[in-house]
Amino acid sequence: MSSTFVLTLTCPDRPGLVYAVTRWIAESGGNLLDSQQFTDLADGEFFLRVHFDHPQTVEELRASFAPVAAEHQMNARLVVAEQPTRTLVMVSKEGHCLNDLLYRQSTGALPIVVPAIVSNHRDLERFADAYDIPFHHVPVVDKPAAEAEVLRLVAELDVELVVLARYMQILSDDLCRALAGRAINIHHSFLPSFKGARPYHQAHDRGVKLIGATAHYVTADLDEGPIIDQNVQRVDHRLAPLDLARVGRDVEARTLSQAVRLHAESRVLLNGPRTVVFD
């Protein structure tokens, strides 16, 4: 019985790359279902995502593809398409992003499984109980100890992705490096960017016309990691700060869930400080 797989790769651009991959799929007994590619002409880098079915196992396919990857200097990743991404969700006191993620996961709209929720407060433990997900209260009194506990859970639960669903703590550089390329954060701004406390009050004071949100990978540069997805909602002078916050929560939840879906479906490839996102 065949399964379907997703192969993503980056490598220096050169003639014959698509042929090399599709030939390997065909000659090894597979069938190509979908293919998307992009060449960054400025950097000479090639990006490819292929979806195919195949009677072999993922381990067999990885071993079989290794010589092709080595020949073309490919940085490749091969996964089972139907396998949901094991995702640790971290939260503080605001539950809109968490609730959206858990609901979408429960309906099958989001290809993830959440083995645990981590929070520095107990306010949202009821969400974990409602979805029968283990809740871990990890207060940030001793930050190194708290982050060590997060890494312990990541390893113990075989976590592939960490989502900061309005987790209101700044991660250390060490933790950012440990989770590089597999941690997503949601930022409550598009343009202009309002940092610090009461961002929607700041937005109201400036008379903004767009409320937005940006989902990005976590890096040591606060809120400046490679962008995965962004959304905006038009607003006007009639909305008070609390109304702007309500609009903002909707945009944040929608944007974060979209970014998580794109990552879980292997549609996001890192390109230095940027991303290549296949739809």
Protein backbone atom coordinates (compact mmCIF):
# COMPACT_ATOMS: atom_id res chain seq x y z
CA MET A 1 0.00 0.00 0.00
CA SER A 2 1.39 3.39 -1.03
CA SER A 3 1.78 6.38 1.26
CA THR A 4 2.30 9.95 0.16
CA PHE A 5 5.41 11.94 0.96
CA VAL A 6 6.65 15.51 0.78
CA LEU A 7 10.22 16.22 -0.23
CA THR A 8 11.56 19.74 0.23
CA LEU A 9 15.04 20.86 -0.69
CA THR A 10 17.33 23.79 -1.29
CA CYS A 11 20.59 23.80 -3.21
CA PRO A 12 22.72 25.91 -5.54
CA ASP A 13 20.82 26.44 -8.78
CA ARG A 14 21.98 24.46 -11.82
CA PRO A 15 20.39 22.81 -14.86
CA GLY A 16 18.71 19.44 -14.39
CA LEU A 17 17.63 19.66 -10.74
CA VAL A 18 13.92 19.07 -11.34
CA TYR A 19 14.78 16.24 -13.72
CA ALA A 20 17.05 14.62 -11.15
CA VAL A 21 14.31 14.58 -8.53
CA THR A 22 11.41 13.54 -10.74
CA ARG A 23 13.54 10.85 -12.41
CA TRP A 24 14.40 9.42 -8.99
CA ILE A 25 10.70 9.34 -8.05
CA ALA A 26 9.69 7.62 -11.28
CA GLU A 27 12.54 5.13 -11.47
CA SER A 28 12.13 4.08 -7.84
CA GLY A 29 8.44 3.30 -8.38
CA GLY A 30 6.75 6.48 -7.22
CA ASN A 31 4.19 8.81 -8.78
CA LEU A 32 4.46 12.60 -8.71
CA LEU A 33 1.32 14.34 -7.39
CA ASP A 34 2.39 17.98 -7.16
CA SER A 35 5.53 20.05 -7.67
CA GLN A 36 6.46 23.66 -6.90
CA GLN A 37 9.79 25.35 -7.44
CA PHE A 38 11.48 28.73 -7.12
CA THR A 39 14.90 30.08 -8.04
CA ASP A 40 16.27 33.09 -6.16
CA LEU A 41 18.16 34.75 -8.99
CA ALA A 42 19.90 37.17 -6.64
CA ASP A 43 21.48 34.40 -4.55
CA GLY A 44 21.50 31.60 -7.10
CA GLU A 45 19.59 29.31 -4.74
CA PHE A 46 17.02 26.75 -5.86
CA PHE A 47 13.96 25.68 -3.81
CA LEU A 48 11.69 22.71 -4.50
CA ARG A 49 8.69 21.01 -2.90
CA VAL A 50 7.33 17.79 -4.36
CA HIS A 51 4.39 15.68 -3.19
CA PHE A 52 4.37 12.08 -4.40
CA ASP A 53 3.11 8.64 -3.53
CA HIS A 54 5.35 5.61 -3.20
CA PRO A 55 5.15 1.99 -1.98
CA GLN A 56 8.41 2.23 -0.02
CA THR A 57 8.83 3.44 3.58
CA VAL A 58 10.15 6.86 4.48
CA GLU A 59 13.39 5.31 5.77
CA GLU A 60 13.93 3.46 2.49
CA LEU A 61 13.24 6.60 0.49
CA ARG A 62 15.65 8.70 2.54
CA ALA A 63 18.40 6.17 1.94
CA SER A 64 17.56 5.95 -1.74
CA PHE A 65 17.56 9.72 -2.24
CA ALA A 66 20.80 10.35 -0.35
CA PRO A 67 23.09 9.87 -3.39
CA VAL A 68 20.97 12.30 -5.45
CA ALA A 69 21.12 14.89 -2.68
CA ALA A 70 24.87 14.48 -2.29
CA GLU A 71 25.51 14.80 -6.03
CA HIS A 72 23.65 18.12 -6.25
CA GLN A 73 24.55 19.54 -2.79
CA MET A 74 20.93 19.41 -1.73
CA ASN A 75 19.77 20.19 1.79
CA ALA A 76 16.73 17.92 1.72
CA ARG A 77 13.92 16.91 4.07
CA LEU A 78 11.53 14.02 3.41
CA VAL A 79 8.41 13.40 5.52
CA VAL A 80 5.22 11.36 5.41
CA ALA A 81 2.54 13.77 4.18
CA GLU A 82 -0.27 12.27 6.27
CA GLN A 83 1.68 12.38 9.53
CA PRO A 84 0.63 15.34 11.72
CA THR A 85 3.32 17.57 13.16
CA ARG A 86 3.87 17.13 16.89
CA THR A 87 3.42 20.64 18.24
CA LEU A 88 4.09 22.07 21.70
CA VAL A 89 2.02 25.20 22.35
CA MET A 90 3.24 27.84 24.81
CA VAL A 91 0.86 30.47 26.22
CA SER A 92 0.55 33.03 29.01
CA LYS A 93 -2.85 34.57 29.86
CA GLU A 94 -4.48 35.35 26.49
CA GLY A 95 -6.30 32.36 25.04
CA HIS A 96 -7.53 33.43 21.60
CA CYS A 97 -4.62 31.94 19.63
CA LEU A 98 -4.53 28.78 21.73
CA ASN A 99 -8.27 28.22 21.38
CA ASP A 100 -8.10 28.70 17.60
CA LEU A 101 -5.22 26.25 17.23
CA LEU A 102 -6.87 23.59 19.38
CA TYR A 103 -10.23 23.92 17.66
CA ARG A 104 -8.71 23.68 14.18
CA GLN A 105 -6.64 20.69 15.27
CA SER A 106 -9.71 18.96 16.71
CA THR A 107 -11.67 19.34 13.45
CA GLY A 108 -8.81 18.15 11.25
CA ALA A 109 -8.34 21.57 9.66
CA LEU A 110 -4.81 21.82 11.04
CA PRO A 111 -2.40 18.89 10.48
CA ILE A 112 -0.88 18.93 13.95
CA VAL A 113 -1.15 16.97 17.18
CA VAL A 114 -0.59 18.79 20.48
CA PRO A 115 1.00 16.50 23.11
CA ALA A 116 1.29 19.29 25.69
CA ILE A 117 0.59 22.92 26.53
CA VAL A 118 3.13 24.93 28.51
CA SER A 119 2.32 28.15 30.34
CA ASN A 120 3.93 30.46 32.86
CA HIS A 121 0.43 30.98 34.36
CA ARG A 122 -2.51 28.72 35.17
CA ASP A 123 -5.19 30.92 33.61
CA LEU A 124 -5.65 28.79 30.48
CA GLU A 125 -5.47 25.36 32.06
CA ARG A 126 -9.19 25.00 31.36
CA PHE A 127 -8.49 24.95 27.61
CA ALA A 128 -6.12 22.04 28.06
CA ASP A 129 -8.71 20.20 30.16
CA ALA A 130 -11.42 20.80 27.55
CA TYR A 131 -9.29 19.20 24.83
CA ASP A 132 -7.81 16.53 27.14
CA ILE A 133 -4.24 17.76 26.62
CA PRO A 134 -1.60 17.67 29.40
CA PHE A 135 -0.95 21.13 30.85
CA HIS A 136 2.46 22.04 32.25
CA HIS A 137 2.72 25.06 34.51
CA VAL A 138 6.29 26.33 34.16
CA PRO A 139 6.62 29.64 36.02
CA VAL A 140 9.51 31.82 34.92
CA VAL A 141 11.05 32.49 38.32
CA ASP A 142 14.36 30.94 37.35
CA LYS A 143 14.53 31.50 33.58
CA PRO A 144 17.33 29.00 32.79
CA ALA A 145 15.49 26.32 34.76
CA ALA A 146 12.19 27.12 33.02
CA GLU A 147 13.78 26.94 29.58
CA ALA A 148 15.54 23.70 30.48
CA GLU A 149 12.12 22.25 31.34
CA VAL A 150 10.78 23.35 27.95
CA LEU A 151 13.67 21.63 26.17
CA ARG A 152 13.15 18.53 28.29
CA LEU A 153 9.52 18.37 27.17
CA VAL A 154 10.50 18.96 23.54
CA ALA A 155 12.87 15.99 23.68
CA GLU A 156 10.66 13.72 25.80
CA LEU A 157 7.53 14.29 23.70
CA ASP A 158 9.34 14.15 20.36
CA VAL A 159 8.14 17.67 19.55
CA GLU A 160 8.77 18.90 16.00
CA LEU A 161 7.34 22.43 16.32
CA VAL A 162 6.97 24.93 19.17
CA VAL A 163 4.29 27.60 18.83
CA LEU A 164 4.32 30.74 20.97
CA ALA A 165 0.60 31.45 21.05
CA ARG A 166 0.89 34.81 22.85
CA TYR A 167 3.55 33.52 25.24
CA MET A 168 4.62 36.76 26.89
CA GLN A 169 8.21 35.88 27.73
CA ILE A 170 11.36 36.68 25.77
CA LEU A 171 13.27 33.50 24.96
CA SER A 172 17.00 33.43 25.63
CA ASP A 173 19.45 33.35 22.75
CA ASP A 174 20.36 29.78 23.69
CA LEU A 175 16.76 28.59 23.50
CA CYS A 176 16.21 30.45 20.22
CA ARG A 177 19.22 28.66 18.75
CA ALA A 178 18.05 25.29 20.08
CA LEU A 179 14.65 25.78 18.41
CA ALA A 180 15.92 27.44 15.22
CA GLY A 181 13.58 26.84 12.30
CA ARG A 182 11.02 25.03 14.43
CA ALA A 183 9.51 27.72 16.65
CA ILE A 184 6.83 30.14 15.46
CA ASN A 185 5.75 33.36 17.17
CA ILE A 186 2.85 35.75 16.49
CA HIS A 187 3.47 39.48 16.59
CA HIS A 188 0.58 41.91 17.00
CA SER A 189 1.71 44.46 14.46
CA PHE A 190 1.94 45.02 10.74
CA LEU A 191 2.71 48.68 10.01
CA PRO A 192 3.53 50.70 11.98
CA SER A 193 4.96 48.44 14.67
CA PHE A 194 3.94 49.31 18.22
CA LYS A 195 6.23 47.74 20.77
CA GLY A 196 5.82 47.58 24.52
CA ALA A 197 2.68 47.79 26.63
CA ARG A 198 -0.85 48.51 25.36
CA PRO A 199 -0.08 48.29 21.62
CA TYR A 200 -3.70 48.80 20.57
CA HIS A 201 -3.95 51.95 22.68
CA GLN A 202 -0.83 53.17 20.87
CA ALA A 203 -2.45 52.29 17.56
CA HIS A 204 -5.61 54.20 18.52
CA ASP A 205 -3.58 57.25 19.51
CA ARG A 206 -1.91 57.21 16.09
CA GLY A 207 -5.18 56.78 14.20
CA VAL A 208 -4.17 53.63 12.35
CA LYS A 209 -6.22 52.44 9.39
CA LEU A 210 -4.95 48.86 9.35
CA ILE A 211 -4.67 46.36 12.19
CA GLY A 212 -2.34 43.50 11.38
CA ALA A 213 -0.37 40.54 12.63
CA THR A 214 2.86 38.83 11.58
CA ALA A 215 3.76 35.18 12.17
CA HIS A 216 7.48 34.49 12.01
CA TYR A 217 10.16 32.05 13.07
CA VAL A 218 11.74 32.77 16.43
CA THR A 219 15.28 34.13 16.42
CA ALA A 220 17.51 35.89 18.93
CA ASP A 221 16.55 39.18 17.24
CA LEU A 222 13.25 39.90 18.98
CA ASP A 223 10.26 39.87 16.57
CA GLU A 224 12.58 40.03 13.55
CA GLY A 225 12.71 36.37 12.48
CA PRO A 226 11.90 35.16 8.94
CA ILE A 227 8.27 36.00 8.16
CA ILE A 228 5.88 33.15 7.34
CA ASP A 229 2.55 34.93 7.02
CA GLN A 230 0.93 38.32 7.54
CA ASN A 231 -2.66 39.56 7.58
CA VAL A 232 -4.40 42.90 7.98
CA GLN A 233 -7.88 44.18 8.74
CA ARG A 234 -9.06 47.67 7.83
CA VAL A 235 -10.32 49.80 10.75
CA ASP A 236 -11.42 53.40 11.16
CA HIS A 237 -11.85 56.25 13.65
CA ARG A 238 -15.03 54.79 15.18
CA LEU A 239 -13.19 51.95 16.91
CA ALA A 240 -12.04 52.46 20.50
CA PRO A 241 -8.85 50.81 21.79
CA LEU A 242 -10.79 47.80 23.09
CA ASP A 243 -12.45 47.40 19.68
CA LEU A 244 -9.04 47.48 18.00
CA ALA A 245 -7.83 44.82 20.42
CA ARG A 246 -10.82 42.64 19.52
CA VAL A 247 -10.07 42.99 15.81
CA GLY A 248 -6.40 42.34 16.54
CA ARG A 249 -7.13 39.11 18.39
CA ASP A 250 -9.03 37.75 15.38
CA VAL A 251 -6.22 38.67 13.00
CA GLU A 252 -3.58 37.20 15.32
CA ALA A 253 -5.39 33.88 15.68
CA ARG A 254 -6.04 33.56 11.96
CA THR A 255 -2.48 34.47 11.00
CA LEU A 256 -0.86 32.14 13.51
CA SER A 257 -3.00 29.17 12.47
CA GLN A 258 -2.19 29.82 8.82
CA ALA A 259 1.54 29.94 9.57
CA VAL A 260 1.35 26.71 11.57
CA ARG A 261 -0.49 25.00 8.72
CA LEU A 262 2.07 26.14 6.16
CA HIS A 263 4.92 24.86 8.34
CA ALA A 264 3.18 21.57 9.16
CA GLU A 265 2.58 20.91 5.45
CA SER A 266 6.28 21.57 4.66
CA ARG A 267 5.42 24.61 2.57
CA VAL A 268 7.95 26.98 4.18
CA LEU A 269 11.64 26.92 3.25
CA LEU A 270 14.15 29.23 4.88
CA ASN A 271 16.06 31.55 2.58
CA GLY A 272 18.48 33.36 4.89
CA PRO A 273 16.48 36.07 6.73
CA ARG A 274 13.50 35.44 4.41
CA THR A 275 11.23 32.52 3.57
CA VAL A 276 10.00 30.85 0.43
CA VAL A 277 6.35 29.88 0.97
CA PHE A 278 4.67 27.48 -1.45
CA ASP A 279 0.87 27.65 -1.46
